[in-house]
Amino acid sequence: MVDWIGWVATGVFAISYFCADPLRLRLLQAFAALLWLSYGILIKAPPVIVANVIVAALALSSAFRKQQPAQNG
């Protein structure tokens, strides 16, 4: 059962590469990182836990950060 969480996380992360919308991309990557985080907790793997706390936090913060208007010239 635990391995399936890792496989689903891998699938979600891979699918995120097909997203053209930056918000959807970051949300899918955050979701995948949360799945990986759960997997890391279940298998008691600190590197997996720490790495995916960082990835999830960065993905979520960049998803909800106000976008700066593009400057021309």
PDB file of N, CA and C in Angstrom:
ATOM      1  N   MET A   1       0.823  -1.203   0.000  1.00  0.00           N
ATOM      2  CA  MET A   1       0.000   0.000   0.000  1.00  0.00           C
ATOM      3  C   MET A   1       0.863   1.263   0.000  1.00  0.00           C
ATOM      4  N   VAL A   2       1.901   1.257   0.834  1.00  0.00           N
ATOM      5  CA  VAL A   2       2.756   2.433   0.941  1.00  0.00           C
ATOM      6  C   VAL A   2       3.417   2.749  -0.399  1.00  0.00           C
ATOM      7  N   ASP A   3       3.877   1.712  -1.089  1.00  0.00           N
ATOM      8  CA  ASP A   3       4.526   1.937  -2.388  1.00  0.00           C
ATOM      9  C   ASP A   3       3.601   2.627  -3.373  1.00  0.00           C
ATOM     10  N   TRP A   4       2.304   2.349  -3.284  1.00  0.00           N
ATOM     11  CA  TRP A   4       1.366   2.970  -4.214  1.00  0.00           C
ATOM     12  C   TRP A   4       1.329   4.483  -4.068  1.00  0.00           C
ATOM     13  N   ILE A   5       1.536   4.978  -2.843  1.00  0.00           N
ATOM     14  CA  ILE A   5       1.572   6.431  -2.639  1.00  0.00           C
ATOM     15  C   ILE A   5       2.728   7.025  -3.443  1.00  0.00           C
ATOM     16  N   GLY A   6       3.877   6.367  -3.401  1.00  0.00           N
ATOM     17  CA  GLY A   6       5.021   6.823  -4.180  1.00  0.00           C
ATOM     18  C   GLY A   6       4.764   6.777  -5.672  1.00  0.00           C
ATOM     19  N   TRP A   7       4.104   5.709  -6.132  1.00  0.00           N
ATOM     20  CA  TRP A   7       3.804   5.590  -7.563  1.00  0.00           C
ATOM     21  C   TRP A   7       2.804   6.648  -8.017  1.00  0.00           C
ATOM     22  N   VAL A   8       1.795   6.902  -7.205  1.00  0.00           N
ATOM     23  CA  VAL A   8       0.814   7.944  -7.546  1.00  0.00           C
ATOM     24  C   VAL A   8       1.492   9.314  -7.552  1.00  0.00           C
ATOM     25  N   ALA A   9       2.362   9.560  -6.573  1.00  0.00           N
ATOM     26  CA  ALA A   9       3.097  10.825  -6.532  1.00  0.00           C
ATOM     27  C   ALA A   9       3.933  11.003  -7.795  1.00  0.00           C
ATOM     28  N   THR A  10       4.574   9.938  -8.224  1.00  0.00           N
ATOM     29  CA  THR A  10       5.368   9.986  -9.458  1.00  0.00           C
ATOM     30  C   THR A  10       4.483  10.320 -10.647  1.00  0.00           C
ATOM     31  N   GLY A  11       3.327   9.677 -10.737  1.00  0.00           N
ATOM     32  CA  GLY A  11       2.397   9.932 -11.835  1.00  0.00           C
ATOM     33  C   GLY A  11       1.884  11.357 -11.848  1.00  0.00           C
ATOM     34  N   VAL A  12       1.506  11.870 -10.686  1.00  0.00           N
ATOM     35  CA  VAL A  12       0.992  13.242 -10.605  1.00  0.00           C
ATOM     36  C   VAL A  12       2.081  14.229 -11.012  1.00  0.00           C
ATOM     37  N   PHE A  13       3.289  14.000 -10.528  1.00  0.00           N
ATOM     38  CA  PHE A  13       4.383  14.901 -10.881  1.00  0.00           C
ATOM     39  C   PHE A  13       4.670  14.862 -12.378  1.00  0.00           C
ATOM     40  N   ALA A  14       4.657  13.669 -12.963  1.00  0.00           N
ATOM     41  CA  ALA A  14       4.899  13.544 -14.407  1.00  0.00           C
ATOM     42  C   ALA A  14       3.796  14.242 -15.207  1.00  0.00           C
ATOM     43  N   ILE A  15       2.554  14.088 -14.798  1.00  0.00           N
ATOM     44  CA  ILE A  15       1.430  14.726 -15.485  1.00  0.00           C
ATOM     45  C   ILE A  15       1.540  16.248 -15.432  1.00  0.00           C
ATOM     46  N   SER A  16       2.140  16.760 -14.366  1.00  0.00           N
ATOM     47  CA  SER A  16       2.250  18.220 -14.227  1.00  0.00           C
ATOM     48  C   SER A  16       3.032  18.846 -15.379  1.00  0.00           C
ATOM     49  N   TYR A  17       3.892  18.081 -16.028  1.00  0.00           N
ATOM     50  CA  TYR A  17       4.672  18.611 -17.149  1.00  0.00           C
ATOM     51  C   TYR A  17       3.816  18.904 -18.381  1.00  0.00           C
ATOM     52  N   PHE A  18       2.605  18.411 -18.404  1.00  0.00           N
ATOM     53  CA  PHE A  18       1.707  18.659 -19.524  1.00  0.00           C
ATOM     54  C   PHE A  18       0.818  19.887 -19.303  1.00  0.00           C
ATOM     55  N   CYS A  19       0.977  20.561 -18.170  1.00  0.00           N
ATOM     56  CA  CYS A  19       0.155  21.724 -17.850  1.00  0.00           C
ATOM     57  C   CYS A  19       0.722  22.975 -18.512  1.00  0.00           C
ATOM     58  N   ALA A  20      -0.126  23.659 -19.259  1.00  0.00           N
ATOM     59  CA  ALA A  20       0.276  24.922 -19.874  1.00  0.00           C
ATOM     60  C   ALA A  20       0.033  26.088 -18.909  1.00  0.00           C
ATOM     61  N   ASP A  21      -0.927  25.928 -18.018  1.00  0.00           N
ATOM     62  CA  ASP A  21      -1.280  26.975 -17.061  1.00  0.00           C
ATOM     63  C   ASP A  21      -0.330  26.919 -15.856  1.00  0.00           C
ATOM     64  N   PRO A  22       0.427  27.997 -15.599  1.00  0.00           N
ATOM     65  CA  PRO A  22       1.398  27.978 -14.503  1.00  0.00           C
ATOM     66  C   PRO A  22       0.785  27.690 -13.129  1.00  0.00           C
ATOM     67  N   LEU A  23      -0.421  28.192 -12.879  1.00  0.00           N
ATOM     68  CA  LEU A  23      -1.057  27.932 -11.592  1.00  0.00           C
ATOM     69  C   LEU A  23      -1.367  26.452 -11.435  1.00  0.00           C
ATOM     70  N   ARG A  24      -1.945  25.855 -12.443  1.00  0.00           N
ATOM     71  CA  ARG A  24      -2.267  24.426 -12.392  1.00  0.00           C
ATOM     72  C   ARG A  24      -0.988  23.591 -12.239  1.00  0.00           C
ATOM     73  N   LEU A  25       0.067  23.983 -12.949  1.00  0.00           N
ATOM     74  CA  LEU A  25       1.351  23.286 -12.847  1.00  0.00           C
ATOM     75  C   LEU A  25       1.847  23.285 -11.405  1.00  0.00           C
ATOM     76  N   ARG A  26       1.865  24.452 -10.784  1.00  0.00           N
ATOM     77  CA  ARG A  26       2.381  24.547  -9.418  1.00  0.00           C
ATOM     78  C   ARG A  26       1.494  23.816  -8.415  1.00  0.00           C
ATOM     79  N   LEU A  27       0.192  23.865  -8.619  1.00  0.00           N
ATOM     80  CA  LEU A  27      -0.704  23.157  -7.706  1.00  0.00           C
ATOM     81  C   LEU A  27      -0.536  21.645  -7.824  1.00  0.00           C
ATOM     82  N   LEU A  28      -0.375  21.162  -9.044  1.00  0.00           N
ATOM     83  CA  LEU A  28      -0.133  19.723  -9.221  1.00  0.00           C
ATOM     84  C   LEU A  28       1.203  19.318  -8.620  1.00  0.00           C
ATOM     85  N   GLN A  29       2.223  20.152  -8.807  1.00  0.00           N
ATOM     86  CA  GLN A  29       3.526  19.836  -8.225  1.00  0.00           C
ATOM     87  C   GLN A  29       3.463  19.870  -6.694  1.00  0.00           C
ATOM     88  N   ALA A  30       2.705  20.793  -6.130  1.00  0.00           N
ATOM     89  CA  ALA A  30       2.528  20.839  -4.678  1.00  0.00           C
ATOM     90  C   ALA A  30       1.805  19.590  -4.191  1.00  0.00           C
ATOM     91  N   PHE A  31       0.770  19.170  -4.918  1.00  0.00           N
ATOM     92  CA  PHE A  31       0.035  17.962  -4.551  1.00  0.00           C
ATOM     93  C   PHE A  31       0.945  16.738  -4.599  1.00  0.00           C
ATOM     94  N   ALA A  32       1.749  16.633  -5.656  1.00  0.00           N
ATOM     95  CA  ALA A  32       2.689  15.518  -5.768  1.00  0.00           C
ATOM     96  C   ALA A  32       3.688  15.547  -4.614  1.00  0.00           C
ATOM     97  N   ALA A  33       4.177  16.730  -4.272  1.00  0.00           N
ATOM     98  CA  ALA A  33       5.126  16.837  -3.165  1.00  0.00           C
ATOM     99  C   ALA A  33       4.486  16.428  -1.843  1.00  0.00           C
ATOM    100  N   LEU A  34       3.204  16.761  -1.655  1.00  0.00           N
ATOM    101  CA  LEU A  34       2.515  16.340  -0.437  1.00  0.00           C
ATOM    102  C   LEU A  34       2.338  14.819  -0.396  1.00  0.00           C
ATOM    103  N   LEU A  35       2.093  14.226  -1.559  1.00  0.00           N
ATOM    104  CA  LEU A  35       2.040  12.764  -1.616  1.00  0.00           C
ATOM    105  C   LEU A  35       3.399  12.159  -1.280  1.00  0.00           C
ATOM    106  N   TRP A  36       4.460  12.731  -1.861  1.00  0.00           N
ATOM    107  CA  TRP A  36       5.817  12.258  -1.556  1.00  0.00           C
ATOM    108  C   TRP A  36       6.131  12.460  -0.074  1.00  0.00           C
ATOM    109  N   LEU A  37       5.675  13.558   0.496  1.00  0.00           N
ATOM    110  CA  LEU A  37       5.874  13.818   1.916  1.00  0.00           C
ATOM    111  C   LEU A  37       5.209  12.719   2.746  1.00  0.00           C
ATOM    112  N   SER A  38       3.979  12.379   2.399  1.00  0.00           N
ATOM    113  CA  SER A  38       3.273  11.295   3.099  1.00  0.00           C
ATOM    114  C   SER A  38       4.043   9.987   2.982  1.00  0.00           C
ATOM    115  N   TYR A  39       4.513   9.709   1.792  1.00  0.00           N
ATOM    116  CA  TYR A  39       5.306   8.498   1.553  1.00  0.00           C
ATOM    117  C   TYR A  39       6.564   8.514   2.427  1.00  0.00           C
ATOM    118  N   GLY A  40       7.263   9.657   2.456  1.00  0.00           N
ATOM    119  CA  GLY A  40       8.478   9.765   3.265  1.00  0.00           C
ATOM    120  C   GLY A  40       8.215   9.546   4.749  1.00  0.00           C
ATOM    121  N   ILE A  41       7.099  10.067   5.230  1.00  0.00           N
ATOM    122  CA  ILE A  41       6.737   9.874   6.638  1.00  0.00           C
ATOM    123  C   ILE A  41       6.477   8.394   6.908  1.00  0.00           C
ATOM    124  N   LEU A  42       5.734   7.753   6.020  1.00  0.00           N
ATOM    125  CA  LEU A  42       5.396   6.341   6.218  1.00  0.00           C
ATOM    126  C   LEU A  42       6.615   5.428   6.190  1.00  0.00           C
ATOM    127  N   ILE A  43       7.596   5.764   5.368  1.00  0.00           N
ATOM    128  CA  ILE A  43       8.795   4.909   5.307  1.00  0.00           C
ATOM    129  C   ILE A  43       9.917   5.450   6.202  1.00  0.00           C
ATOM    130  N   LYS A  44       9.630   6.529   6.926  1.00  0.00           N
ATOM    131  CA  LYS A  44      10.579   7.131   7.869  1.00  0.00           C
ATOM    132  C   LYS A  44      11.893   7.506   7.177  1.00  0.00           C
ATOM    133  N   ALA A  45      11.778   8.313   6.103  1.00  0.00           N
ATOM    134  CA  ALA A  45      12.933   8.733   5.322  1.00  0.00           C
ATOM    135  C   ALA A  45      13.089  10.255   5.413  1.00  0.00           C
ATOM    136  N   PRO A  46      13.897  10.742   6.350  1.00  0.00           N
ATOM    137  CA  PRO A  46      14.052  12.190   6.525  1.00  0.00           C
ATOM    138  C   PRO A  46      14.418  12.958   5.246  1.00  0.00           C
ATOM    139  N   PRO A  47      15.309  12.462   4.377  1.00  0.00           N
ATOM    140  CA  PRO A  47      15.608  13.232   3.167  1.00  0.00           C
ATOM    141  C   PRO A  47      14.379  13.436   2.276  1.00  0.00           C
ATOM    142  N   VAL A  48      13.538  12.429   2.175  1.00  0.00           N
ATOM    143  CA  VAL A  48      12.313  12.536   1.367  1.00  0.00           C
ATOM    144  C   VAL A  48      11.363  13.534   2.027  1.00  0.00           C
ATOM    145  N   ILE A  49      11.258  13.485   3.330  1.00  0.00           N
ATOM    146  CA  ILE A  49      10.369  14.389   4.065  1.00  0.00           C
ATOM    147  C   ILE A  49      10.811  15.845   3.888  1.00  0.00           C
ATOM    148  N   VAL A  50      12.070  16.119   4.168  1.00  0.00           N
ATOM    149  CA  VAL A  50      12.577  17.492   4.112  1.00  0.00           C
ATOM    150  C   VAL A  50      12.499  18.045   2.693  1.00  0.00           C
ATOM    151  N   ALA A  51      12.940  17.255   1.722  1.00  0.00           N
ATOM    152  CA  ALA A  51      12.930  17.718   0.330  1.00  0.00           C
ATOM    153  C   ALA A  51      11.522  18.087  -0.113  1.00  0.00           C
ATOM    154  N   ASN A  52      10.543  17.303   0.271  1.00  0.00           N
ATOM    155  CA  ASN A  52       9.195  17.555  -0.209  1.00  0.00           C
ATOM    156  C   ASN A  52       8.443  18.600   0.602  1.00  0.00           C
ATOM    157  N   VAL A  53       8.839  18.851   1.836  1.00  0.00           N
ATOM    158  CA  VAL A  53       8.319  20.011   2.561  1.00  0.00           C
ATOM    159  C   VAL A  53       8.769  21.269   1.828  1.00  0.00           C
ATOM    160  N   ILE A  54      10.042  21.293   1.420  1.00  0.00           N
ATOM    161  CA  ILE A  54      10.579  22.449   0.698  1.00  0.00           C
ATOM    162  C   ILE A  54       9.876  22.630  -0.646  1.00  0.00           C
ATOM    163  N   VAL A  55       9.751  21.542  -1.412  1.00  0.00           N
ATOM    164  CA  VAL A  55       9.130  21.626  -2.738  1.00  0.00           C
ATOM    165  C   VAL A  55       7.668  22.058  -2.625  1.00  0.00           C
ATOM    166  N   ALA A  56       6.925  21.480  -1.694  1.00  0.00           N
ATOM    167  CA  ALA A  56       5.510  21.844  -1.532  1.00  0.00           C
ATOM    168  C   ALA A  56       5.376  23.312  -1.136  1.00  0.00           C
ATOM    169  N   ALA A  57       6.220  23.765  -0.216  1.00  0.00           N
ATOM    170  CA  ALA A  57       6.156  25.166   0.220  1.00  0.00           C
ATOM    171  C   ALA A  57       6.481  26.117  -0.931  1.00  0.00           C
ATOM    172  N   LEU A  58       7.506  25.798  -1.703  1.00  0.00           N
ATOM    173  CA  LEU A  58       7.864  26.661  -2.834  1.00  0.00           C
ATOM    174  C   LEU A  58       6.781  26.665  -3.903  1.00  0.00           C
ATOM    175  N   ALA A  59       6.225  25.488  -4.198  1.00  0.00           N
ATOM    176  CA  ALA A  59       5.181  25.407  -5.222  1.00  0.00           C
ATOM    177  C   ALA A  59       3.945  26.187  -4.794  1.00  0.00           C
ATOM    178  N   LEU A  60       3.544  26.038  -3.548  1.00  0.00           N
ATOM    179  CA  LEU A  60       2.353  26.755  -3.074  1.00  0.00           C
ATOM    180  C   LEU A  60       2.595  28.254  -2.978  1.00  0.00           C
ATOM    181  N   SER A  61       3.762  28.643  -2.482  1.00  0.00           N
ATOM    182  CA  SER A  61       4.017  30.080  -2.367  1.00  0.00           C
ATOM    183  C   SER A  61       4.116  30.735  -3.741  1.00  0.00           C
ATOM    184  N   SER A  62       4.719  30.044  -4.707  1.00  0.00           N
ATOM    185  CA  SER A  62       4.804  30.634  -6.045  1.00  0.00           C
ATOM    186  C   SER A  62       3.451  30.600  -6.753  1.00  0.00           C
ATOM    187  N   ALA A  63       2.593  29.663  -6.403  1.00  0.00           N
ATOM    188  CA  ALA A  63       1.272  29.592  -7.023  1.00  0.00           C
ATOM    189  C   ALA A  63       0.392  30.764  -6.600  1.00  0.00           C
ATOM    190  N   PHE A  64       0.555  31.210  -5.363  1.00  0.00           N
ATOM    191  CA  PHE A  64      -0.331  32.236  -4.846  1.00  0.00           C
ATOM    192  C   PHE A  64       0.325  33.605  -4.701  1.00  0.00           C
ATOM    193  N   ARG A  65       1.558  33.723  -5.147  1.00  0.00           N
ATOM    194  CA  ARG A  65       2.240  35.019  -5.141  1.00  0.00           C
ATOM    195  C   ARG A  65       1.600  35.906  -6.199  1.00  0.00           C
ATOM    196  N   LYS A  66       1.464  37.173  -5.896  1.00  0.00           N
ATOM    197  CA  LYS A  66       0.898  38.098  -6.888  1.00  0.00           C
ATOM    198  C   LYS A  66       1.836  38.188  -8.071  1.00  0.00           C
ATOM    199  N   GLN A  67       1.267  38.085  -9.242  1.00  0.00           N
ATOM    200  CA  GLN A  67       2.049  38.173 -10.469  1.00  0.00           C
ATOM    201  C   GLN A  67       2.365  39.626 -10.772  1.00  0.00           C
ATOM    202  N   GLN A  68       3.605  39.891 -11.105  1.00  0.00           N
ATOM    203  CA  GLN A  68       4.021  41.232 -11.517  1.00  0.00           C
ATOM    204  C   GLN A  68       3.675  41.415 -12.974  1.00  0.00           C
ATOM    205  N   PRO A  69       3.112  42.582 -13.342  1.00  0.00           N
ATOM    206  CA  PRO A  69       2.820  42.802 -14.752  1.00  0.00           C
ATOM    207  C   PRO A  69       4.119  42.853 -15.562  1.00  0.00           C
ATOM    208  N   ALA A  70       4.084  42.298 -16.752  1.00  0.00           N
ATOM    209  CA  ALA A  70       5.265  42.314 -17.614  1.00  0.00           C
ATOM    210  C   ALA A  70       5.537  43.734 -18.065  1.00  0.00           C
ATOM    211  N   GLN A  71       6.802  44.096 -18.061  1.00  0.00           N
ATOM    212  CA  GLN A  71       7.179  45.439 -18.514  1.00  0.00           C
ATOM    213  C   GLN A  71       7.663  45.363 -19.949  1.00  0.00           C
ATOM    214  N   ASN A  72       7.191  46.254 -20.754  1.00  0.00           N
ATOM    215  CA  ASN A  72       7.619  46.301 -22.150  1.00  0.00           C
ATOM    216  C   ASN A  72       8.807  47.235 -22.276  1.00  0.00           C
ATOM    217  N   GLY A  73       9.829  46.736 -22.974  1.00  0.00           N
ATOM    218  CA  GLY A  73      10.974  47.575 -23.287  1.00  0.00           C
ATOM    219  C   GLY A  73      11.939  47.578 -22.234  1.00  0.00           C
TER     220      GLY A  73
END
